[in-house]
Amino acid sequence: MTILDEAKPAAAVAVSDPIKHSEADYYPTDRDVRRFAHIGKLVDRTVGTGSRPYYDSVVIAGAGFTATVMAARLARSEQFHGKVVLAGPRSEESRRMKDGATLRGHGTDLICYALGVPQCAYVDALYGDIVDGRGVGTRNLVGMARKAPSGSYEFGRMIAYQGGRTGYSRPLFYGARNSRMQGAMYELMDRAGVIEAPDAVSSLDEAYALAPGKRPFIVNASHNSALLRGQAPKVDWATVAVQAPLTVRPSGFRYVDTNAALVSGVRRDGRIVVGLFNPYGDPLSPRSTFYGIMVGEVSARAGYDKQREIATMTEELHGIADRLGMDVDDPEETLYAGLIPGSPWKAPQSEPGSLELQMIAHQGVSATFSDGMTSGAAAAVAAAEAVIRGVDPDRAARRAVREITRDRRIWNIQRNKLALPFDYLLRTATESVRCTPIPAMPAQPGLARADRAALSASKCAQIASIDTE
């Protein structure tokens, strides 16, 4: 695995060595150098400069997506190689679509930076033998949906608020199963630099007991928000979500294209339930080329019926997918429905010697903005760099996600406090959506249209040496 020299500036990072994975060689291109330099500049601006690490080891409670990104970055550093503990059971891979499934292009850059690998290596590990262009999105469409008296769903006017008619020349996002994204990172990370503890940590004392050093730094990347402070912050909001992979009928798509994602909300009960229908690829569900999710916020104070919400969202998912010319792929094995607890909109300050990474990375509500994995990767990379440089990881992680958290908050207010005018605006003046935060994704730097064509033509491993402008 490529090791980046910690003392060099980002623009001088050496990424010329081949990467071995699945019996294939990956040669980083000039674009990988530009991506690493771009992330390096963001890290320098977010984290700042330091001298040397204050801590001699790191214990990360939790082994999910965000925890894996942080562990991967620390494991390939000279200072913490072999001194990182990843504590908790890893996610098991199955066809069930649990957790986030849309990884923004910027999030992919962050992951590859943490791993120290060219992007084609991660994309190949992510999609395996099914790489044929599926799962790669270059356009974003928006249009409100509503249920007609006949029982079928109808769309209002649709526009492309990102990518225009044909899509960007660079990926906006990758659609894949969350556990596969974690599995791909696990396959590519320097596992020799990580100490794995399969049992979940249930207390701060247990975390300290796992530390290989005398001055450990403890990171809470688990869903147990009371782990480090004894009491979890109280919030009365959560999200209910239903999601599943989709297959396209022989008659083909309607309203969307293979490279386009659709944001289609449904206004009911004084709020907008978000529908996202994105390109998707999964080696365990090779027939699926899209996935759909319906997600809405609920509040204990306002009261809600969880089972009724799930039943309604399941019906909406099937109904909108039907209108798009798609069907749920094996719902008994793939469909997921559940409640996702919320977090404070301002995460509590971390105690000295520890970091509340999970709450900082995912402030507010989850699953409504296609941003969870990207914000998790941003916070994890910033925190890892801060530990390596000997500066405050809490401050660095907060700075890394402050913009995406702000936009998530605005999107939340629009959906729940201004549902009626927002619905009317999207139906009558759809172009105005370009002036407001909705699930928008910055295009990925450095990946040209030739890369997209190669993705559609062959396995990513075969484009590793392509270097066209």
Protein backbone atom coordinates (compact mmCIF):
# COMPACT_ATOMS: atom_id res chain seq x y z
CA MET A 1 0.00 0.00 0.00
CA THR A 2 1.21 3.51 -0.80
CA ILE A 3 2.54 5.34 2.26
CA LEU A 4 2.39 9.12 2.19
CA ASP A 5 5.31 11.00 3.69
CA GLU A 6 3.92 12.98 6.59
CA ALA A 7 6.58 15.69 6.26
CA LYS A 8 5.86 16.56 2.62
CA PRO A 9 3.27 19.11 1.52
CA ALA A 10 0.18 17.68 -0.12
CA ALA A 11 1.27 18.71 -3.64
CA ALA A 12 4.47 16.68 -3.27
CA VAL A 13 2.84 13.47 -2.09
CA ALA A 14 4.38 10.43 -3.76
CA VAL A 15 1.72 8.19 -5.26
CA SER A 16 3.69 6.47 -7.99
CA ASP A 17 3.99 2.97 -6.53
CA PRO A 18 1.62 0.30 -7.88
CA ILE A 19 -1.15 -0.95 -5.60
CA LYS A 20 -1.86 -4.69 -5.42
CA HIS A 21 -5.45 -5.84 -4.97
CA SER A 22 -7.31 -8.89 -6.27
CA GLU A 23 -4.31 -9.89 -8.41
CA ALA A 24 -4.42 -6.54 -10.24
CA ASP A 25 -1.89 -3.72 -10.31
CA TYR A 26 -3.15 -0.15 -9.92
CA TYR A 27 -0.92 2.68 -11.05
CA PRO A 28 -1.88 6.08 -9.66
CA THR A 29 -2.34 8.70 -12.36
CA ASP A 30 -1.86 12.44 -12.38
CA ARG A 31 -5.50 12.75 -11.42
CA ASP A 32 -4.88 10.80 -8.23
CA VAL A 33 -2.07 13.23 -7.42
CA ARG A 34 -4.45 16.15 -8.00
CA ARG A 35 -7.13 14.54 -5.83
CA PHE A 36 -4.66 13.93 -3.00
CA ALA A 37 -3.36 17.48 -3.30
CA HIS A 38 -6.93 18.84 -3.23
CA ILE A 39 -7.78 16.89 -0.07
CA GLY A 40 -4.41 17.82 1.42
CA LYS A 41 -5.18 21.51 1.02
CA LEU A 42 -8.60 21.05 2.64
CA VAL A 43 -7.00 19.17 5.52
CA ASP A 44 -4.36 21.85 6.04
CA ARG A 45 -7.03 24.55 6.11
CA THR A 46 -9.29 22.57 8.45
CA VAL A 47 -6.75 21.04 10.82
CA GLY A 48 -3.90 23.53 10.78
CA THR A 49 -0.25 22.84 11.46
CA GLY A 50 1.25 21.04 14.41
CA SER A 51 4.52 19.54 15.53
CA ARG A 52 4.22 16.01 16.85
CA PRO A 53 1.51 13.77 18.35
CA TYR A 54 0.58 14.28 21.96
CA TYR A 55 -0.95 10.78 22.28
CA ASP A 56 0.91 7.51 21.74
CA SER A 57 -2.05 5.31 20.71
CA VAL A 58 -5.71 5.50 19.67
CA VAL A 59 -8.68 3.35 20.65
CA ILE A 60 -11.72 3.70 18.37
CA ALA A 61 -14.96 2.37 19.85
CA GLY A 62 -17.07 1.17 16.96
CA ALA A 63 -16.09 -0.48 13.70
CA GLY A 64 -18.54 1.11 11.28
CA PHE A 65 -17.99 3.36 8.29
CA THR A 66 -16.64 6.48 10.05
CA ALA A 67 -14.48 4.44 12.43
CA THR A 68 -12.93 2.50 9.56
CA VAL A 69 -11.97 5.69 7.69
CA MET A 70 -10.21 7.11 10.74
CA ALA A 71 -8.47 3.82 11.50
CA ALA A 72 -7.28 3.54 7.88
CA ARG A 73 -5.67 6.99 7.95
CA LEU A 74 -3.97 6.41 11.30
CA ALA A 75 -2.79 2.90 10.39
CA ARG A 76 -0.74 4.09 7.42
CA SER A 77 0.96 6.85 9.42
CA GLU A 78 4.43 6.26 10.80
CA GLN A 79 3.43 7.55 14.23
CA PHE A 80 0.42 5.26 14.81
CA HIS A 81 1.07 2.17 12.71
CA GLY A 82 0.29 -0.79 14.96
CA LYS A 83 -1.02 1.50 17.70
CA VAL A 84 -4.64 1.81 16.56
CA VAL A 85 -7.36 -0.33 18.13
CA LEU A 86 -10.61 -0.78 16.20
CA ALA A 87 -13.04 -2.12 18.81
CA GLY A 88 -16.40 -3.59 17.89
CA PRO A 89 -17.99 -6.07 15.49
CA ARG A 90 -17.64 -5.26 11.81
CA SER A 91 -20.75 -4.97 9.64
CA GLU A 92 -21.72 -8.27 8.06
CA GLU A 93 -22.33 -8.20 4.34
CA SER A 94 -25.75 -9.22 3.10
CA ARG A 95 -28.18 -8.11 0.42
CA ARG A 96 -30.16 -6.14 3.00
CA MET A 97 -29.86 -2.39 2.33
CA LYS A 98 -29.10 -0.97 5.75
CA ASP A 99 -27.59 2.48 6.36
CA GLY A 100 -26.53 4.97 3.71
CA ALA A 101 -26.02 3.96 0.09
CA THR A 102 -24.98 7.19 -1.67
CA LEU A 103 -21.32 8.21 -1.43
CA ARG A 104 -20.58 11.62 -2.87
CA GLY A 105 -17.58 11.99 -5.17
CA HIS A 106 -15.90 14.19 -2.58
CA GLY A 107 -16.41 11.48 0.02
CA THR A 108 -14.68 8.98 -2.28
CA ASP A 109 -11.69 11.32 -2.53
CA LEU A 110 -11.52 11.46 1.27
CA ILE A 111 -11.67 7.67 1.59
CA CYS A 112 -8.93 7.13 -0.98
CA TYR A 113 -6.81 9.73 0.80
CA ALA A 114 -7.31 7.90 4.10
CA LEU A 115 -6.44 4.56 2.49
CA GLY A 116 -3.58 5.95 0.41
CA VAL A 117 -4.80 4.23 -2.77
CA PRO A 118 -5.76 5.34 -6.29
CA GLN A 119 -9.45 5.77 -6.81
CA CYS A 120 -9.73 2.97 -9.34
CA ALA A 121 -8.56 0.53 -6.65
CA TYR A 122 -11.42 1.51 -4.35
CA VAL A 123 -14.05 1.52 -7.12
CA ASP A 124 -12.91 -1.93 -8.25
CA ALA A 125 -13.10 -3.28 -4.69
CA LEU A 126 -16.51 -1.66 -4.29
CA TYR A 127 -18.23 -3.12 -7.36
CA GLY A 128 -16.16 -6.24 -8.06
CA ASP A 129 -17.06 -8.09 -11.22
CA ILE A 130 -20.16 -6.03 -12.01
CA VAL A 131 -18.39 -2.80 -12.98
CA ASP A 132 -20.16 -1.72 -16.16
CA GLY A 133 -20.92 1.90 -15.36
CA ARG A 134 -23.82 1.22 -13.00
CA GLY A 135 -23.78 2.94 -9.65
CA VAL A 136 -22.04 6.03 -11.04
CA GLY A 137 -24.18 9.19 -11.02
CA THR A 138 -23.39 12.38 -12.93
CA ARG A 139 -26.77 14.18 -12.83
CA ASN A 140 -29.29 15.17 -10.18
CA LEU A 141 -32.98 15.72 -10.95
CA VAL A 142 -35.70 17.10 -8.71
CA GLY A 143 -39.49 16.95 -8.96
CA MET A 144 -42.26 16.62 -6.42
CA ALA A 145 -44.58 13.59 -6.45
CA ARG A 146 -48.11 13.10 -5.20
CA LYS A 147 -50.66 10.33 -5.09
CA ALA A 148 -53.47 10.71 -7.62
CA PRO A 149 -57.09 9.68 -6.89
CA SER A 150 -56.46 6.59 -9.02
CA GLY A 151 -53.81 5.41 -6.54
CA SER A 152 -50.86 5.90 -8.87
CA TYR A 153 -48.20 8.57 -8.34
CA GLU A 154 -47.77 11.64 -10.51
CA PHE A 155 -44.75 13.93 -10.85
CA GLY A 156 -44.69 17.68 -11.12
CA ARG A 157 -42.24 19.42 -13.37
CA MET A 158 -38.72 17.98 -13.24
CA ILE A 159 -35.44 19.77 -13.83
CA ALA A 160 -31.78 18.82 -13.62
CA TYR A 161 -30.32 21.01 -10.88
CA GLN A 162 -26.91 19.41 -11.35
CA GLY A 163 -25.41 17.99 -14.53
CA GLY A 164 -27.73 19.53 -17.11
CA ARG A 165 -29.06 17.33 -19.92
CA THR A 166 -26.15 14.92 -20.27
CA GLY A 167 -24.43 14.94 -16.88
CA TYR A 168 -21.09 16.14 -15.61
CA SER A 169 -17.84 14.75 -16.96
CA ARG A 170 -17.01 13.76 -13.37
CA PRO A 171 -18.96 11.54 -10.96
CA LEU A 172 -21.22 13.28 -8.48
CA PHE A 173 -21.71 10.12 -6.43
CA TYR A 174 -21.41 6.35 -6.26
CA GLY A 175 -24.38 4.20 -5.26
CA ALA A 176 -23.58 0.99 -3.37
CA ARG A 177 -24.52 -0.98 -0.29
CA ASN A 178 -23.08 0.49 2.91
CA SER A 179 -21.61 -2.77 4.17
CA ARG A 180 -19.85 -3.24 0.80
CA MET A 181 -18.32 0.23 1.09
CA GLN A 182 -17.00 -0.73 4.51
CA GLY A 183 -15.81 -4.08 3.17
CA ALA A 184 -13.92 -2.42 0.32
CA MET A 185 -12.12 -0.15 2.81
CA TYR A 186 -11.29 -3.10 5.02
CA GLU A 187 -9.80 -4.98 2.06
CA LEU A 188 -7.59 -2.04 1.04
CA MET A 189 -6.51 -0.62 4.40
CA ASP A 190 -3.19 -1.51 6.02
CA ARG A 191 -4.62 -4.08 8.41
CA ALA A 192 -1.19 -4.85 9.81
CA GLY A 193 -1.30 -1.39 11.36
CA VAL A 194 -4.62 -1.99 13.15
CA ILE A 195 -5.37 -4.03 16.26
CA GLU A 196 -8.89 -5.45 15.92
CA ALA A 197 -11.02 -6.16 18.99
CA PRO A 198 -14.25 -7.88 17.90
CA ASP A 199 -16.24 -7.17 21.07
CA ALA A 200 -18.10 -3.91 21.52
CA VAL A 201 -16.78 -1.45 24.11
CA SER A 202 -19.37 -0.59 26.75
CA SER A 203 -17.47 1.85 28.99
CA LEU A 204 -14.58 4.27 29.04
CA ASP A 205 -12.61 1.95 31.32
CA GLU A 206 -12.94 -0.87 28.80
CA ALA A 207 -11.60 1.41 26.09
CA TYR A 208 -8.57 2.34 28.20
CA ALA A 209 -7.92 -1.33 28.93
CA LEU A 210 -7.55 -2.01 25.19
CA ALA A 211 -4.99 0.74 24.62
CA PRO A 212 -1.51 -0.44 23.54
CA GLY A 213 0.14 2.75 24.84
CA LYS A 214 0.42 4.72 28.07
CA ARG A 215 -1.23 7.90 26.79
CA PRO A 216 -4.14 6.76 24.62
CA PHE A 217 -6.72 8.86 22.80
CA ILE A 218 -10.26 7.46 22.98
CA VAL A 219 -12.68 7.94 20.07
CA ASN A 220 -16.40 7.20 20.25
CA ALA A 221 -17.47 6.23 16.74
CA SER A 222 -20.25 3.95 17.95
CA HIS A 223 -23.99 4.59 18.19
CA ASN A 224 -23.74 4.53 22.01
CA SER A 225 -23.68 8.27 22.65
CA ALA A 226 -23.43 7.69 26.43
CA LEU A 227 -20.19 5.70 26.17
CA LEU A 228 -17.73 8.44 27.13
CA ARG A 229 -19.91 10.67 29.31
CA GLY A 230 -22.27 8.25 31.07
CA GLN A 231 -25.42 9.95 29.82
CA ALA A 232 -26.67 10.37 26.28
CA PRO A 233 -27.90 13.79 25.08
CA LYS A 234 -31.68 13.92 24.92
CA VAL A 235 -33.32 14.62 21.58
CA ASP A 236 -36.94 14.00 20.59
CA TRP A 237 -36.44 13.70 16.81
CA ALA A 238 -35.56 10.74 14.64
CA THR A 239 -36.02 9.59 11.06
CA VAL A 240 -38.02 6.69 9.70
CA ALA A 241 -36.66 5.20 6.48
CA VAL A 242 -37.59 2.48 4.00
CA GLN A 243 -35.12 1.56 1.26
CA ALA A 244 -34.47 -1.23 -1.23
CA PRO A 245 -32.58 -1.95 -4.47
CA LEU A 246 -34.59 -1.70 -7.70
CA THR A 247 -34.61 -3.48 -11.04
CA VAL A 248 -35.58 -1.78 -14.29
CA ARG A 249 -38.41 -3.39 -16.27
CA PRO A 250 -37.82 -4.52 -19.86
CA SER A 251 -39.81 -1.51 -21.06
CA GLY A 252 -37.03 0.73 -19.68
CA PHE A 253 -36.76 3.87 -17.56
CA ARG A 254 -39.30 6.62 -17.32
CA TYR A 255 -38.41 10.16 -16.19
CA VAL A 256 -34.80 9.25 -15.26
CA ASP A 257 -31.68 7.97 -17.03
CA THR A 258 -29.01 5.49 -16.03
CA ASN A 259 -26.65 8.20 -14.77
CA ALA A 260 -29.24 10.40 -13.02
CA ALA A 261 -30.54 10.50 -9.47
CA LEU A 262 -34.03 11.77 -8.69
CA VAL A 263 -35.01 13.70 -5.57
CA SER A 264 -38.78 13.31 -5.38
CA GLY A 265 -40.55 14.48 -2.25
CA VAL A 266 -44.11 13.71 -1.14
CA ARG A 267 -45.89 16.32 1.00
CA ARG A 268 -48.15 14.88 3.67
CA ASP A 269 -48.97 15.55 7.33
CA GLY A 270 -47.46 19.03 7.17
CA ARG A 271 -44.00 17.89 6.09
CA ILE A 272 -42.15 16.60 3.06
CA VAL A 273 -41.11 12.97 3.02
CA VAL A 274 -37.95 12.71 0.93
CA GLY A 275 -37.74 10.18 -1.89
CA LEU A 276 -34.32 9.48 -3.41
CA PHE A 277 -33.89 7.19 -6.43
CA ASN A 278 -30.23 6.75 -7.33
CA PRO A 279 -28.03 4.57 -9.57
CA TYR A 280 -26.76 1.57 -7.63
CA GLY A 281 -24.49 -1.44 -7.97
CA ASP A 282 -24.09 -4.44 -5.68
CA PRO A 283 -22.19 -7.68 -6.40
CA LEU A 284 -24.74 -9.57 -4.26
CA SER A 285 -27.71 -8.13 -6.21
CA PRO A 286 -26.42 -8.06 -9.79
CA ARG A 287 -29.87 -7.43 -11.29
CA SER A 288 -30.29 -4.16 -9.38
CA THR A 289 -29.19 -0.98 -11.12
CA PHE A 290 -31.05 1.60 -8.96
CA TYR A 291 -32.11 1.93 -5.36
CA GLY A 292 -34.89 3.89 -3.74
CA ILE A 293 -35.41 5.31 -0.27
CA MET A 294 -38.29 7.13 1.41
CA VAL A 295 -37.33 8.94 4.59
CA GLY A 296 -39.03 11.46 6.87
CA GLU A 297 -38.49 13.05 10.25
CA VAL A 298 -40.66 12.15 13.24
CA SER A 299 -40.85 13.72 16.67
CA ALA A 300 -41.73 12.19 20.00
CA ARG A 301 -43.22 15.50 21.09
CA ALA A 302 -45.59 15.61 18.11
CA GLY A 303 -46.30 11.90 18.39
CA TYR A 304 -46.10 9.29 15.66
CA ASP A 305 -46.95 5.68 14.89
CA LYS A 306 -43.78 3.95 13.74
CA GLN A 307 -45.50 1.01 12.07
CA ARG A 308 -47.95 3.26 10.24
CA GLU A 309 -45.07 5.43 9.01
CA ILE A 310 -43.18 2.40 7.75
CA ALA A 311 -46.26 1.01 6.00
CA THR A 312 -46.99 4.36 4.32
CA MET A 313 -43.39 4.85 3.20
CA THR A 314 -43.22 1.30 1.87
CA GLU A 315 -46.32 1.98 -0.22
CA GLU A 316 -44.78 5.27 -1.45
CA LEU A 317 -41.52 3.53 -2.36
CA HIS A 318 -43.32 0.88 -4.42
CA GLY A 319 -45.65 3.45 -5.99
CA ILE A 320 -42.98 5.91 -7.13
CA ALA A 321 -40.71 3.08 -8.32
CA ASP A 322 -43.61 1.74 -10.36
CA ARG A 323 -44.08 5.16 -11.97
CA LEU A 324 -40.38 5.20 -12.85
CA GLY A 325 -40.59 1.78 -14.49
CA MET A 326 -38.88 -0.16 -11.70
CA ASP A 327 -39.63 -2.90 -9.20
CA VAL A 328 -38.14 -3.73 -5.81
CA ASP A 329 -35.58 -6.52 -6.15
CA ASP A 330 -36.44 -9.42 -3.77
CA PRO A 331 -37.94 -7.27 -0.97
CA GLU A 332 -37.91 -10.17 1.51
CA GLU A 333 -34.10 -10.23 1.33
CA THR A 334 -33.16 -6.66 0.47
CA LEU A 335 -35.72 -4.17 1.82
CA TYR A 336 -34.89 -2.39 5.06
CA ALA A 337 -37.29 -0.39 7.21
CA GLY A 338 -36.55 1.16 10.57
CA LEU A 339 -36.13 4.17 12.82
CA ILE A 340 -32.83 6.06 13.02
CA PRO A 341 -32.33 8.03 16.27
CA GLY A 342 -31.38 11.69 15.90
CA SER A 343 -28.44 13.59 17.39
CA PRO A 344 -28.10 17.12 18.79
CA TRP A 345 -27.80 19.79 16.10
CA LYS A 346 -24.73 20.95 18.00
CA ALA A 347 -22.71 18.01 19.25
CA PRO A 348 -21.54 18.27 22.88
CA GLN A 349 -17.92 19.21 23.47
CA SER A 350 -15.60 16.22 23.75
CA GLU A 351 -13.94 15.56 27.08
CA PRO A 352 -10.13 15.94 27.23
CA GLY A 353 -8.39 12.90 25.80
CA SER A 354 -11.44 11.77 23.87
CA LEU A 355 -13.53 12.56 20.81
CA GLU A 356 -17.27 12.24 20.19
CA LEU A 357 -16.70 11.47 16.51
CA GLN A 358 -20.07 9.91 15.73
CA MET A 359 -22.12 12.81 17.09
CA ILE A 360 -19.87 15.44 15.48
CA ALA A 361 -19.94 13.73 12.08
CA HIS A 362 -23.72 13.17 12.06
CA GLN A 363 -25.35 16.14 13.77
CA GLY A 364 -29.13 16.52 13.57
CA VAL A 365 -31.10 14.01 11.52
CA SER A 366 -29.83 11.22 9.30
CA ALA A 367 -30.58 9.78 5.86
CA THR A 368 -32.32 12.82 4.35
CA PHE A 369 -29.49 14.62 2.54
CA SER A 370 -27.24 11.97 0.86
CA ASP A 371 -24.43 13.25 3.06
CA GLY A 372 -23.91 10.80 5.92
CA MET A 373 -20.91 8.91 4.58
CA THR A 374 -19.29 12.05 3.20
CA SER A 375 -19.61 13.94 6.49
CA GLY A 376 -18.39 10.84 8.32
CA ALA A 377 -15.33 10.56 6.07
CA ALA A 378 -14.59 14.30 6.35
CA ALA A 379 -14.74 14.27 10.15
CA ALA A 380 -12.72 11.04 10.38
CA VAL A 381 -9.92 12.25 8.11
CA ALA A 382 -9.73 15.61 9.87
CA ALA A 383 -9.68 13.99 13.32
CA ALA A 384 -6.99 11.50 12.30
CA GLU A 385 -4.81 14.25 10.85
CA ALA A 386 -5.27 16.31 14.01
CA VAL A 387 -4.13 13.40 16.18
CA ILE A 388 -1.09 12.88 13.95
CA ARG A 389 -0.20 16.58 14.01
CA GLY A 390 -0.81 17.02 17.73
CA VAL A 391 -3.66 19.56 17.46
CA ASP A 392 -7.25 19.50 18.77
CA PRO A 393 -9.21 16.70 17.02
CA ASP A 394 -12.58 18.00 18.26
CA ARG A 395 -12.07 21.39 16.64
CA ALA A 396 -10.75 19.84 13.42
CA ALA A 397 -13.68 17.44 13.06
CA ARG A 398 -16.23 20.22 13.65
CA ARG A 399 -14.58 22.49 11.09
CA ALA A 400 -14.56 19.67 8.54
CA VAL A 401 -18.35 19.20 8.67
CA ARG A 402 -19.65 22.68 9.53
CA GLU A 403 -20.71 23.52 5.95
CA ILE A 404 -22.50 20.24 5.28
CA THR A 405 -24.18 20.43 8.72
CA ARG A 406 -25.39 23.95 7.95
CA ASP A 407 -26.90 22.86 4.62
CA ARG A 408 -28.50 19.82 6.28
CA ARG A 409 -30.12 22.12 8.82
CA ILE A 410 -31.52 24.44 6.12
CA TRP A 411 -32.86 21.43 4.19
CA ASN A 412 -34.47 20.15 7.39
CA ILE A 413 -36.25 23.48 8.01
CA GLN A 414 -37.50 23.63 4.42
CA ARG A 415 -38.97 20.14 4.61
CA ASN A 416 -40.55 20.32 8.05
CA LYS A 417 -41.30 23.99 8.77
CA LEU A 418 -41.96 25.31 5.25
CA ALA A 419 -43.39 22.21 3.58
CA LEU A 420 -46.37 23.90 1.88
CA PRO A 421 -44.55 26.89 0.33
CA PHE A 422 -41.56 24.72 -0.56
CA ASP A 423 -43.80 22.18 -2.32
CA TYR A 424 -45.59 24.99 -4.19
CA LEU A 425 -42.28 26.59 -5.18
CA LEU A 426 -40.89 23.34 -6.59
CA ARG A 427 -44.05 22.73 -8.61
CA THR A 428 -44.46 26.24 -10.04
CA ALA A 429 -40.94 27.70 -10.12
CA THR A 430 -38.78 24.62 -10.24
CA GLU A 431 -35.65 26.51 -11.33
CA SER A 432 -35.55 28.17 -7.91
CA VAL A 433 -34.25 24.90 -6.50
CA ARG A 434 -30.79 25.91 -7.69
CA CYS A 435 -30.75 28.63 -5.02
CA THR A 436 -31.53 26.39 -2.07
CA PRO A 437 -29.71 23.50 -0.34
CA ILE A 438 -31.14 20.14 -1.37
CA PRO A 439 -29.12 16.93 -1.72
CA ALA A 440 -26.51 18.62 -3.97
CA MET A 441 -23.11 17.08 -4.45
CA PRO A 442 -19.91 18.81 -5.54
CA ALA A 443 -18.45 17.26 -8.67
CA GLN A 444 -15.37 15.20 -8.09
CA PRO A 445 -12.11 16.96 -9.01
CA GLY A 446 -9.82 15.46 -11.60
CA LEU A 447 -11.90 12.72 -13.24
CA ALA A 448 -12.47 13.37 -16.92
CA ARG A 449 -15.17 12.05 -19.28
CA ALA A 450 -12.73 9.47 -20.63
CA ASP A 451 -12.75 7.81 -17.19
CA ARG A 452 -16.56 7.56 -17.27
CA ALA A 453 -16.43 5.93 -20.72
CA ALA A 454 -13.84 3.46 -19.52
CA LEU A 455 -15.96 2.64 -16.47
CA SER A 456 -18.83 1.75 -18.77
CA ALA A 457 -16.65 -0.36 -21.03
CA SER A 458 -14.61 -2.52 -18.69
CA LYS A 459 -13.52 -3.26 -15.15
CA CYS A 460 -11.99 -0.38 -13.26
CA ALA A 461 -8.73 -2.29 -13.04
CA GLN A 462 -8.37 -1.97 -16.77
CA ILE A 463 -8.52 1.84 -16.65
CA ALA A 464 -5.88 2.19 -13.97
CA SER A 465 -3.27 3.23 -16.50
CA ILE A 466 -5.55 5.50 -18.56
CA ASP A 467 -4.33 9.08 -18.36
CA THR A 468 -6.16 11.25 -20.86
CA GLU A 469 -7.30 14.81 -20.44
